[in-house]
């Protein structure tokens, strides 16, 4: 029964039936088959032109409520404080003084946390790559200089250390000690992801997982607000993976890490809470929203299957807008692309977001590119207010159906991945890479024949490495 506070927006309009809608569509199609309005995703999921309550019966109930398992609708029952998510800024300037300047400017102008990317010499332990693709960090003094003026008890600092996550953790903890930051007040993440390094470089140290487990055991006891592991699925997404393949990679990596942590004696709730999930969003707004919702559902199922409590199984979702949708030609159009992708991240319930500058495909971004990237998030938060509503896509029959299809397909594919020996074996053998390459080839063919819009014309350095190593 409607209350006085409720308004029936459909009052005064006659109820429309499916038959009436179909008749109206047939007039437009002029004899063309109705099936032409349906489409199929890269994962073979079927998208219908119309969804009704009858067809989506039970899907909304299966999604649960915000803040409760399976966390499809969000990890928290309460709205984001002030409607804001964490606006994370990337700092990768080779010179430490320049990096410090950019870090302060980002924080002063809207960013709320930082992601530091050390150079390839640090990440790959190759001195010949000094100053390449990141900050030149050789020791504690360099890290201190790169964060000069940053209040480390206020601004969370996350690292992107590649295979050198142990060294990154050592330096970051030492810096907190040098700055007299109480371990309980230290916030951020180490960014340990050795499986991601395997996918990127084709190499995995024999003791990488045991090192990660020992690091997690130590830091979880001393620095409770610091995440150790960051499963970054962008390494496969930028190589051409479909949404289901991206979720499958995430689940496979998570299973491998949870096994390693359990073997080291880390309690399962502690292990799950030490992991941050990093996904991508792109111009497929509805697909990206559904992917984030499905990621929470399948991750919660994985965590509880491993013995985690419901409270611990709610994942932290970090999002970065995809590089593969960015174009070198007419880069201004990238402003529309990153806005759509950032919007999808906000609506999908991301806890933190990195928006790539519109000129990132052209070369090193300048101040305008960084400002526009930062302000894209600021405007969506403070003027569009999309962060003030919990799961605004919830209840959409299309979104609920797509979420359910993605989650079911990803869980099934994860089972096949485990049967094949797990994600590490599949990466090492090249079988997982071959599956991704098949999707990428099909997509590139559609773009080349203009049957799909241009979304891939500039590959990131990471995806190039991935194709030339783990995907070979």
Protein backbone atom coordinates (compact mmCIF):
# COMPACT_ATOMS: atom_id res chain seq x y z
CA UNK A 1 0.00 0.00 0.00
CA UNK A 2 1.39 3.38 -0.99
CA UNK A 3 1.94 5.93 1.76
CA UNK A 4 1.41 9.66 1.49
CA UNK A 5 5.19 10.12 1.07
CA UNK A 6 5.28 7.91 -2.01
CA UNK A 7 4.56 9.07 -5.54
CA UNK A 8 3.38 6.81 -8.34
CA UNK A 9 5.18 8.22 -11.37
CA UNK A 10 3.20 5.97 -13.70
CA UNK A 11 -0.17 7.23 -12.45
CA UNK A 12 -2.39 8.34 -15.32
CA UNK A 13 -0.61 6.23 -17.92
CA UNK A 14 -2.08 2.97 -19.17
CA UNK A 15 -0.12 -0.14 -18.28
CA UNK A 16 1.98 -1.42 -21.17
CA UNK A 17 2.18 -5.11 -21.96
CA UNK A 18 5.02 -7.07 -23.54
CA UNK A 19 2.84 -7.75 -26.57
CA UNK A 20 2.26 -4.02 -27.10
CA UNK A 21 5.99 -3.32 -26.79
CA UNK A 22 6.78 -6.12 -29.24
CA UNK A 23 4.26 -4.78 -31.74
CA UNK A 24 5.80 -1.30 -31.53
CA UNK A 25 9.28 -2.77 -32.06
CA UNK A 26 8.14 -4.82 -35.05
CA UNK A 27 6.99 -1.61 -36.75
CA UNK A 28 10.47 -0.14 -36.37
CA UNK A 29 12.19 -3.33 -37.56
CA UNK A 30 10.01 -3.41 -40.69
CA UNK A 31 10.15 -7.15 -41.07
CA UNK A 32 13.71 -7.65 -39.83
CA UNK A 33 14.10 -10.51 -37.32
CA UNK A 34 13.57 -9.54 -33.69
CA UNK A 35 16.74 -11.44 -32.75
CA UNK A 36 18.87 -8.70 -34.29
CA UNK A 37 18.18 -6.62 -31.17
CA UNK A 38 19.93 -9.21 -29.01
CA UNK A 39 23.70 -9.20 -28.64
CA UNK A 40 26.43 -11.43 -27.29
CA UNK A 41 29.35 -10.36 -25.14
CA UNK A 42 32.97 -11.44 -25.55
CA UNK A 43 32.23 -14.13 -22.96
CA UNK A 44 29.25 -15.46 -24.89
CA UNK A 45 26.70 -13.95 -22.49
CA UNK A 46 23.41 -13.07 -24.12
CA UNK A 47 22.07 -9.50 -23.80
CA UNK A 48 18.36 -9.06 -24.44
CA UNK A 49 16.71 -5.83 -25.64
CA UNK A 50 14.19 -5.87 -22.77
CA UNK A 51 14.20 -7.22 -19.24
CA UNK A 52 11.08 -7.65 -17.14
CA UNK A 53 10.35 -8.41 -13.51
CA UNK A 54 9.20 -11.90 -14.44
CA UNK A 55 12.44 -12.73 -16.24
CA UNK A 56 14.54 -11.36 -13.38
CA UNK A 57 12.54 -13.05 -10.64
CA UNK A 58 14.78 -13.96 -7.74
CA UNK A 59 17.87 -12.13 -8.97
CA UNK A 60 17.34 -9.09 -6.74
CA UNK A 61 16.75 -11.31 -3.70
CA UNK A 62 19.92 -13.28 -4.50
CA UNK A 63 21.93 -10.04 -4.48
CA UNK A 64 21.09 -9.57 -0.81
CA UNK A 65 21.29 -6.26 1.00
CA UNK A 66 24.14 -3.74 1.13
CA UNK A 67 26.62 -4.69 3.82
CA UNK A 68 25.56 -8.33 3.99
CA UNK A 69 26.73 -11.48 2.21
CA UNK A 70 27.26 -12.02 -0.67
CA UNK A 71 28.04 -8.27 -0.80
CA UNK A 72 26.83 -7.91 -4.38
CA UNK A 73 25.24 -4.62 -3.40
CA UNK A 74 28.23 -3.28 -1.49
CA UNK A 75 30.50 -4.04 1.45
CA UNK A 76 28.85 -1.51 3.77
CA UNK A 77 25.27 -0.93 4.84
CA UNK A 78 25.91 2.78 5.34
CA UNK A 79 26.53 5.26 2.52
CA UNK A 80 30.06 6.47 1.85
CA UNK A 81 31.00 9.29 4.25
CA UNK A 82 29.95 12.51 2.51
CA UNK A 83 29.40 10.44 -0.64
CA UNK A 84 33.15 10.27 -1.32
CA UNK A 85 35.34 7.36 -2.33
CA UNK A 86 39.14 7.39 -2.05
CA UNK A 87 40.57 9.42 -4.93
CA UNK A 88 43.95 7.79 -5.51
CA UNK A 89 46.64 9.59 -7.50
CA UNK A 90 49.58 7.93 -9.26
CA UNK A 91 53.03 9.40 -8.62
CA UNK A 92 55.71 8.09 -10.97
CA UNK A 93 58.00 11.03 -11.78
CA UNK A 94 61.62 9.77 -12.05
CA UNK A 95 63.14 12.60 -10.01
CA UNK A 96 62.26 12.32 -6.30
CA UNK A 97 61.92 16.09 -5.88
CA UNK A 98 59.50 16.27 -8.81
CA UNK A 99 57.61 13.29 -7.41
CA UNK A 100 57.25 15.03 -4.05
CA UNK A 101 55.96 18.17 -5.74
CA UNK A 102 53.35 16.23 -7.70
CA UNK A 103 52.30 14.25 -4.63
CA UNK A 104 51.63 17.44 -2.67
CA UNK A 105 49.79 19.08 -5.55
CA UNK A 106 47.57 16.04 -5.98
CA UNK A 107 46.71 15.94 -2.28
CA UNK A 108 46.14 19.69 -2.06
CA UNK A 109 43.75 19.62 -5.02
CA UNK A 110 41.48 16.70 -4.26
CA UNK A 111 43.40 13.41 -4.05
CA UNK A 112 43.03 11.50 -0.79
CA UNK A 113 45.70 8.81 -1.21
CA UNK A 114 48.80 8.14 -3.29
CA UNK A 115 50.09 5.25 -5.39
CA UNK A 116 53.87 5.34 -5.72
CA UNK A 117 55.38 3.52 -8.69
CA UNK A 118 59.11 2.87 -8.24
CA UNK A 119 61.16 2.65 -11.43
CA UNK A 120 61.85 -0.57 -13.32
CA UNK A 121 65.30 -0.79 -11.72
CA UNK A 122 63.54 -1.21 -8.37
CA UNK A 123 60.67 -3.39 -9.56
CA UNK A 124 62.77 -5.75 -11.69
CA UNK A 125 66.10 -5.44 -9.85
CA UNK A 126 67.77 -4.27 -13.06
CA UNK A 127 70.06 -1.23 -12.56
CA UNK A 128 70.15 -0.59 -16.31
CA UNK A 129 66.50 0.52 -16.10
CA UNK A 130 67.13 3.30 -13.59
CA UNK A 131 64.58 6.10 -13.89
CA UNK A 132 62.46 4.14 -16.38
CA UNK A 133 58.70 4.20 -15.89
CA UNK A 134 58.74 5.32 -12.28
CA UNK A 135 60.44 7.03 -9.35
CA UNK A 136 64.16 6.47 -8.92
CA UNK A 137 64.26 4.89 -5.44
CA UNK A 138 67.53 3.39 -4.27
CA UNK A 139 66.96 3.55 -0.53
CA UNK A 140 65.10 5.06 2.39
CA UNK A 141 66.35 8.60 1.75
CA UNK A 142 64.90 8.53 -1.77
CA UNK A 143 61.51 7.34 -0.54
CA UNK A 144 61.58 9.98 2.19
CA UNK A 145 62.39 12.68 -0.38
CA UNK A 146 59.63 11.47 -2.74
CA UNK A 147 57.12 11.94 0.08
CA UNK A 148 58.60 15.13 1.47
CA UNK A 149 55.86 17.23 3.02
CA UNK A 150 53.26 14.44 2.93
CA UNK A 151 51.67 13.71 6.31
CA UNK A 152 51.85 9.92 6.38
CA UNK A 153 49.38 9.60 9.25
CA UNK A 154 46.76 11.36 7.12
CA UNK A 155 47.44 10.33 3.53
CA UNK A 156 47.49 6.57 2.82
CA UNK A 157 50.44 5.55 0.65
CA UNK A 158 50.22 2.52 -1.62
CA UNK A 159 53.11 1.00 -3.52
CA UNK A 160 53.37 -0.70 -6.91
CA UNK A 161 56.63 -2.59 -6.32
CA UNK A 162 56.51 -5.45 -8.81
CA UNK A 163 58.60 -8.39 -7.67
CA UNK A 164 60.41 -6.24 -5.06
CA UNK A 165 57.48 -6.11 -2.62
CA UNK A 166 59.63 -7.27 0.31
CA UNK A 167 62.02 -4.39 -0.18
CA UNK A 168 59.14 -1.95 -0.65
CA UNK A 169 57.60 -3.05 2.64
CA UNK A 170 60.92 -2.69 4.42
CA UNK A 171 61.40 0.87 3.15
CA UNK A 172 57.82 1.97 3.81
CA UNK A 173 57.84 0.63 7.37
CA UNK A 174 61.22 2.28 7.97
CA UNK A 175 59.84 5.58 6.70
CA UNK A 176 56.85 5.39 9.03
CA UNK A 177 59.30 4.80 11.88
CA UNK A 178 61.51 7.70 10.79
CA UNK A 179 58.46 10.00 10.66
CA UNK A 180 57.26 8.71 14.07
CA UNK A 181 53.98 7.41 12.64
CA UNK A 182 52.27 5.09 15.10
CA UNK A 183 51.86 1.65 13.46
CA UNK A 184 48.13 1.79 14.23
CA UNK A 185 47.88 5.08 12.30
CA UNK A 186 49.85 3.89 9.27
CA UNK A 187 47.57 3.41 6.28
CA UNK A 188 48.12 2.24 2.74
CA UNK A 189 49.26 -0.90 1.00
CA UNK A 190 52.44 -2.74 0.05
CA UNK A 191 51.00 -3.89 -3.28
CA UNK A 192 52.53 -7.38 -3.18
CA UNK A 193 51.37 -9.35 -6.22
CA UNK A 194 53.98 -11.90 -7.34
CA UNK A 195 51.47 -13.63 -9.63
CA UNK A 196 50.96 -10.29 -11.34
CA UNK A 197 54.73 -10.08 -11.78
CA UNK A 198 54.66 -13.55 -13.32
CA UNK A 199 51.99 -12.41 -15.77
CA UNK A 200 53.95 -9.27 -16.61
CA UNK A 201 57.50 -10.58 -16.84
CA UNK A 202 57.10 -14.36 -17.18
CA UNK A 203 59.13 -14.90 -14.00
CA UNK A 204 58.20 -15.97 -10.47
CA UNK A 205 60.79 -16.39 -7.72
CA UNK A 206 60.67 -19.78 -6.01
CA UNK A 207 60.17 -18.22 -2.58
CA UNK A 208 57.80 -15.43 -3.66
CA UNK A 209 54.65 -16.88 -2.10
CA UNK A 210 56.38 -17.86 1.14
CA UNK A 211 57.92 -14.36 1.35
CA UNK A 212 54.48 -12.86 0.84
CA UNK A 213 53.04 -15.08 3.57
CA UNK A 214 55.71 -14.15 6.11
CA UNK A 215 55.32 -10.47 5.28
CA UNK A 216 51.56 -10.70 5.78
CA UNK A 217 52.00 -12.50 9.09
CA UNK A 218 54.34 -9.78 10.35
CA UNK A 219 52.54 -6.66 9.12
CA UNK A 220 49.05 -7.84 10.04
CA UNK A 221 50.24 -7.99 13.64
CA UNK A 222 52.07 -4.66 13.69
CA UNK A 223 50.25 -2.50 11.11
CA UNK A 224 46.56 -3.47 11.17
CA UNK A 225 45.45 -0.82 8.67
CA UNK A 226 47.97 -1.72 5.96
CA UNK A 227 47.04 -4.20 3.23
CA UNK A 228 49.89 -6.37 2.00
CA UNK A 229 48.48 -7.99 -1.16
CA UNK A 230 46.97 -6.20 -4.16
CA UNK A 231 45.58 -8.55 -6.81
CA UNK A 232 45.71 -6.39 -9.91
CA UNK A 233 43.63 -7.82 -12.73
CA UNK A 234 44.55 -4.95 -15.07
CA UNK A 235 47.53 -7.02 -16.18
CA UNK A 236 45.14 -9.35 -18.02
CA UNK A 237 42.49 -6.75 -18.84
CA UNK A 238 45.03 -4.58 -20.67
CA UNK A 239 46.17 -7.65 -22.59
CA UNK A 240 42.67 -8.11 -23.96
CA UNK A 241 40.94 -10.32 -21.39
CA UNK A 242 37.17 -10.42 -21.26
CA UNK A 243 35.32 -9.53 -18.04
CA UNK A 244 34.87 -13.21 -17.13
CA UNK A 245 38.57 -13.88 -17.75
CA UNK A 246 39.47 -10.88 -15.59
CA UNK A 247 37.32 -12.22 -12.75
CA UNK A 248 38.72 -15.72 -13.25
CA UNK A 249 42.26 -14.40 -12.95
CA UNK A 250 41.30 -12.54 -9.80
CA UNK A 251 39.81 -15.67 -8.23
CA UNK A 252 42.74 -17.85 -9.29
CA UNK A 253 45.27 -15.45 -7.81
CA UNK A 254 43.21 -15.12 -4.64
CA UNK A 255 43.02 -18.88 -4.18
CA UNK A 256 46.79 -19.22 -4.62
CA UNK A 257 47.52 -16.47 -2.12
CA UNK A 258 45.04 -17.77 0.46
CA UNK A 259 46.61 -21.23 0.25
CA UNK A 260 50.08 -19.78 0.78
CA UNK A 261 48.90 -17.70 3.74
CA UNK A 262 47.11 -20.68 5.29
CA UNK A 263 50.25 -22.81 4.93
CA UNK A 264 52.17 -20.14 6.85
CA UNK A 265 49.66 -20.19 9.67
CA UNK A 266 47.92 -16.91 8.92
CA UNK A 267 44.30 -17.03 10.16
CA UNK A 268 41.88 -17.02 7.25
CA UNK A 269 40.08 -13.83 8.32
CA UNK A 270 43.42 -12.05 8.63
CA UNK A 271 44.50 -13.40 5.25
CA UNK A 272 41.34 -12.23 3.49
CA UNK A 273 41.50 -8.77 5.08
CA UNK A 274 45.11 -8.36 3.95
CA UNK A 275 44.07 -8.43 0.26
CA UNK A 276 42.86 -5.58 -1.93
CA UNK A 277 41.23 -6.35 -5.28
CA UNK A 278 42.08 -4.08 -8.21
CA UNK A 279 39.91 -4.17 -11.35
CA UNK A 280 39.40 -2.05 -14.45
CA UNK A 281 36.40 -0.19 -15.83
CA UNK A 282 35.97 1.11 -19.36
CA UNK A 283 33.39 2.63 -21.69
CA UNK A 284 31.07 -0.35 -21.29
CA UNK A 285 29.35 1.34 -18.36
CA UNK A 286 26.73 -1.30 -17.60
CA UNK A 287 29.19 -4.13 -18.10
CA UNK A 288 31.72 -2.47 -15.80
CA UNK A 289 29.12 -1.89 -13.08
CA UNK A 290 28.00 -5.51 -13.28
CA UNK A 291 31.62 -6.71 -13.20
CA UNK A 292 32.33 -4.90 -9.92
CA UNK A 293 29.14 -6.25 -8.38
CA UNK A 294 29.96 -9.77 -9.60
CA UNK A 295 33.52 -9.45 -8.27
CA UNK A 296 32.23 -8.87 -4.75
CA UNK A 297 29.90 -11.83 -5.01
CA UNK A 298 32.42 -14.37 -6.29
CA UNK A 299 35.16 -13.12 -3.95
CA UNK A 300 32.88 -13.48 -0.94
CA UNK A 301 32.03 -17.02 -2.08
CA UNK A 302 35.74 -17.85 -2.41
CA UNK A 303 36.53 -16.38 1.01
CA UNK A 304 33.73 -18.18 2.83
CA UNK A 305 34.58 -21.42 1.00
CA UNK A 306 38.05 -21.09 2.53
CA UNK A 307 36.53 -20.69 6.00
CA UNK A 308 36.40 -16.91 6.34
CA UNK A 309 33.62 -15.28 8.29
CA UNK A 310 30.96 -13.29 6.46
CA UNK A 311 32.27 -10.08 8.01
CA UNK A 312 35.79 -10.67 6.68
CA UNK A 313 34.72 -11.80 3.21
CA UNK A 314 33.59 -8.35 2.03
CA UNK A 315 36.37 -7.29 -0.36
CA UNK A 316 38.08 -3.95 -0.81
CA UNK A 317 37.57 -2.95 -4.45
CA UNK A 318 40.04 -0.60 -6.10
CA UNK A 319 39.47 0.50 -9.70
CA UNK A 320 41.65 2.08 -12.34
CA UNK A 321 40.18 3.21 -15.62
CA UNK A 322 41.43 1.03 -18.46
CA UNK A 323 44.38 2.04 -20.62
CA UNK A 324 43.26 -0.10 -23.55
CA UNK A 325 40.33 2.18 -24.37
CA UNK A 326 42.56 5.27 -24.74
CA UNK A 327 43.48 6.57 -28.19
CA UNK A 328 46.52 8.52 -29.36
CA UNK A 329 44.61 10.26 -32.13
CA UNK A 330 42.17 12.93 -30.97
CA UNK A 331 43.03 12.29 -27.30
CA UNK A 332 40.39 14.79 -26.17
CA UNK A 333 37.76 12.12 -26.78
CA UNK A 334 39.50 10.19 -23.99
CA UNK A 335 37.89 12.67 -21.59
CA UNK A 336 34.53 11.09 -22.41
CA UNK A 337 35.97 7.60 -22.05
CA UNK A 338 37.51 8.14 -18.62
CA UNK A 339 34.39 9.95 -17.41
CA UNK A 340 32.23 6.97 -18.38
CA UNK A 341 34.67 4.53 -16.76
CA UNK A 342 34.95 6.59 -13.57
CA UNK A 343 31.17 6.90 -13.41
CA UNK A 344 30.91 3.11 -13.66
CA UNK A 345 33.45 2.70 -10.85
CA UNK A 346 31.49 5.02 -8.58
CA UNK A 347 28.13 3.42 -9.33
CA UNK A 348 29.67 -0.05 -9.02
CA UNK A 349 30.75 0.69 -5.45
CA UNK A 350 34.54 1.02 -5.73
CA UNK A 351 36.26 2.04 -2.49
CA UNK A 352 39.09 3.79 -4.36
CA UNK A 353 39.58 4.94 -7.95
CA UNK A 354 42.45 5.97 -10.23
CA UNK A 355 41.37 7.92 -13.32
CA UNK A 356 43.95 7.93 -16.09
CA UNK A 357 44.78 11.33 -17.65
CA UNK A 358 43.24 11.82 -21.10
CA UNK A 359 46.73 12.23 -22.63
CA UNK A 360 48.22 9.10 -21.06
CA UNK A 361 48.35 7.32 -24.44
CA UNK A 362 50.37 10.13 -26.00
CA UNK A 363 53.25 10.22 -23.52
CA UNK A 364 53.97 11.60 -20.07
CA UNK A 365 50.90 13.47 -18.86
CA UNK A 366 51.25 17.17 -18.16
CA UNK A 367 49.56 19.25 -15.48
CA UNK A 368 46.39 19.70 -17.53
CA UNK A 369 46.00 15.95 -18.02
CA UNK A 370 46.46 15.22 -14.35
CA UNK A 371 44.14 18.03 -13.29
CA UNK A 372 41.39 16.88 -15.63
CA UNK A 373 41.74 13.29 -14.37
CA UNK A 374 41.54 14.40 -10.76
CA UNK A 375 38.65 16.79 -11.34
CA UNK A 376 36.67 14.14 -13.21
CA UNK A 377 36.36 12.31 -9.91
CA UNK A 378 35.82 15.48 -7.89
CA UNK A 379 32.92 16.56 -10.11
CA UNK A 380 31.30 13.13 -10.06
CA UNK A 381 31.54 13.09 -6.28
CA UNK A 382 30.73 16.64 -5.28
CA UNK A 383 28.40 17.82 -8.06
CA UNK A 384 26.83 14.66 -9.47
CA UNK A 385 26.70 13.03 -5.99
CA UNK A 386 26.84 9.52 -7.43
CA UNK A 387 28.59 8.28 -4.29
CA UNK A 388 25.72 9.22 -2.00
CA UNK A 389 23.47 6.35 -3.08
CA UNK A 390 24.21 2.76 -2.10
CA UNK A 391 24.21 0.50 -5.17
CA UNK A 392 22.16 2.79 -7.42
CA UNK A 393 22.10 0.07 -10.10
CA UNK A 394 20.56 -2.44 -7.72
CA UNK A 395 17.12 -3.60 -8.80
CA UNK A 396 17.77 -2.90 -12.47
CA UNK A 397 16.64 -6.11 -14.11
CA UNK A 398 19.33 -5.78 -16.77
CA UNK A 399 22.16 -5.10 -14.31
CA UNK A 400 21.00 -7.84 -11.95
CA UNK A 401 20.81 -10.33 -14.83
CA UNK A 402 24.24 -9.38 -16.18
CA UNK A 403 25.76 -9.51 -12.68
CA UNK A 404 24.34 -12.98 -12.17
CA UNK A 405 25.59 -14.21 -15.55
CA UNK A 406 29.09 -12.81 -14.98
CA UNK A 407 29.34 -14.31 -11.49
CA UNK A 408 28.15 -17.75 -12.63
CA UNK A 409 30.44 -17.79 -15.68
CA UNK A 410 33.46 -16.60 -13.69
CA UNK A 411 32.95 -19.20 -10.96
CA UNK A 412 32.62 -21.95 -13.56
CA UNK A 413 35.76 -20.75 -15.37
CA UNK A 414 37.60 -20.59 -12.04
CA UNK A 415 36.73 -24.22 -11.41
CA UNK A 416 38.19 -25.15 -14.79
CA UNK A 417 41.31 -23.10 -14.03
CA UNK A 418 41.79 -24.93 -10.74
CA UNK A 419 41.31 -28.29 -12.48
CA UNK A 420 44.05 -27.32 -14.92
CA UNK A 421 46.52 -26.80 -12.07
CA UNK A 422 45.72 -23.25 -10.97
CA UNK A 423 46.55 -19.79 -12.22
CA UNK A 424 50.33 -20.10 -11.80
CA UNK A 425 50.50 -23.30 -13.86
CA UNK A 426 48.16 -21.85 -16.49
CA UNK A 427 50.26 -18.71 -16.82
CA UNK A 428 53.52 -20.63 -16.95
CA UNK A 429 52.24 -23.04 -19.60
CA UNK A 430 50.73 -20.25 -21.67
CA UNK A 431 47.25 -21.80 -21.75
CA UNK A 432 45.60 -18.88 -19.98
CA UNK A 433 47.39 -16.48 -22.27
CA UNK A 434 46.12 -18.34 -25.32
CA UNK A 435 42.53 -17.97 -24.10
CA UNK A 436 43.02 -14.21 -23.64
CA UNK A 437 44.73 -13.90 -27.02
CA UNK A 438 41.71 -15.51 -28.70
CA UNK A 439 39.37 -12.91 -27.18
CA UNK A 440 41.74 -10.08 -28.09
CA UNK A 441 42.04 -11.27 -31.70
CA UNK A 442 38.28 -11.44 -32.09
CA UNK A 443 37.85 -7.97 -30.61
CA UNK A 444 40.56 -6.47 -32.82
CA UNK A 445 38.86 -8.02 -35.85
CA UNK A 446 35.57 -6.38 -34.95
CA UNK A 447 37.29 -3.03 -34.54
CA UNK A 448 39.17 -3.40 -37.84
CA UNK A 449 35.92 -4.09 -39.71
CA UNK A 450 34.05 -1.30 -37.91
CA UNK A 451 31.62 -3.70 -36.31
CA UNK A 452 32.77 -2.45 -32.91
CA UNK A 453 33.72 1.09 -31.84
CA UNK A 454 37.37 1.98 -31.46
CA UNK A 455 38.33 1.23 -27.89
CA UNK A 456 41.85 -0.16 -28.36
CA UNK A 457 44.49 1.79 -30.22
CA UNK A 458 47.19 2.31 -27.63
CA UNK A 459 48.63 -0.48 -25.50
CA UNK A 460 50.14 0.16 -22.13
CA UNK A 461 53.70 -0.90 -21.43
CA UNK A 462 52.40 -3.49 -18.99
CA UNK A 463 50.14 -5.16 -21.54
CA UNK A 464 52.97 -5.25 -24.09
CA UNK A 465 55.18 -7.08 -21.61
CA UNK A 466 52.33 -9.43 -20.77
CA UNK A 467 51.79 -10.38 -24.39
CA UNK A 468 55.47 -10.92 -25.00
CA UNK A 469 56.06 -13.11 -21.95
CA UNK A 470 53.32 -14.85 -20.03
CA UNK A 471 50.95 -14.86 -23.00
CA UNK A 472 53.49 -16.28 -25.42
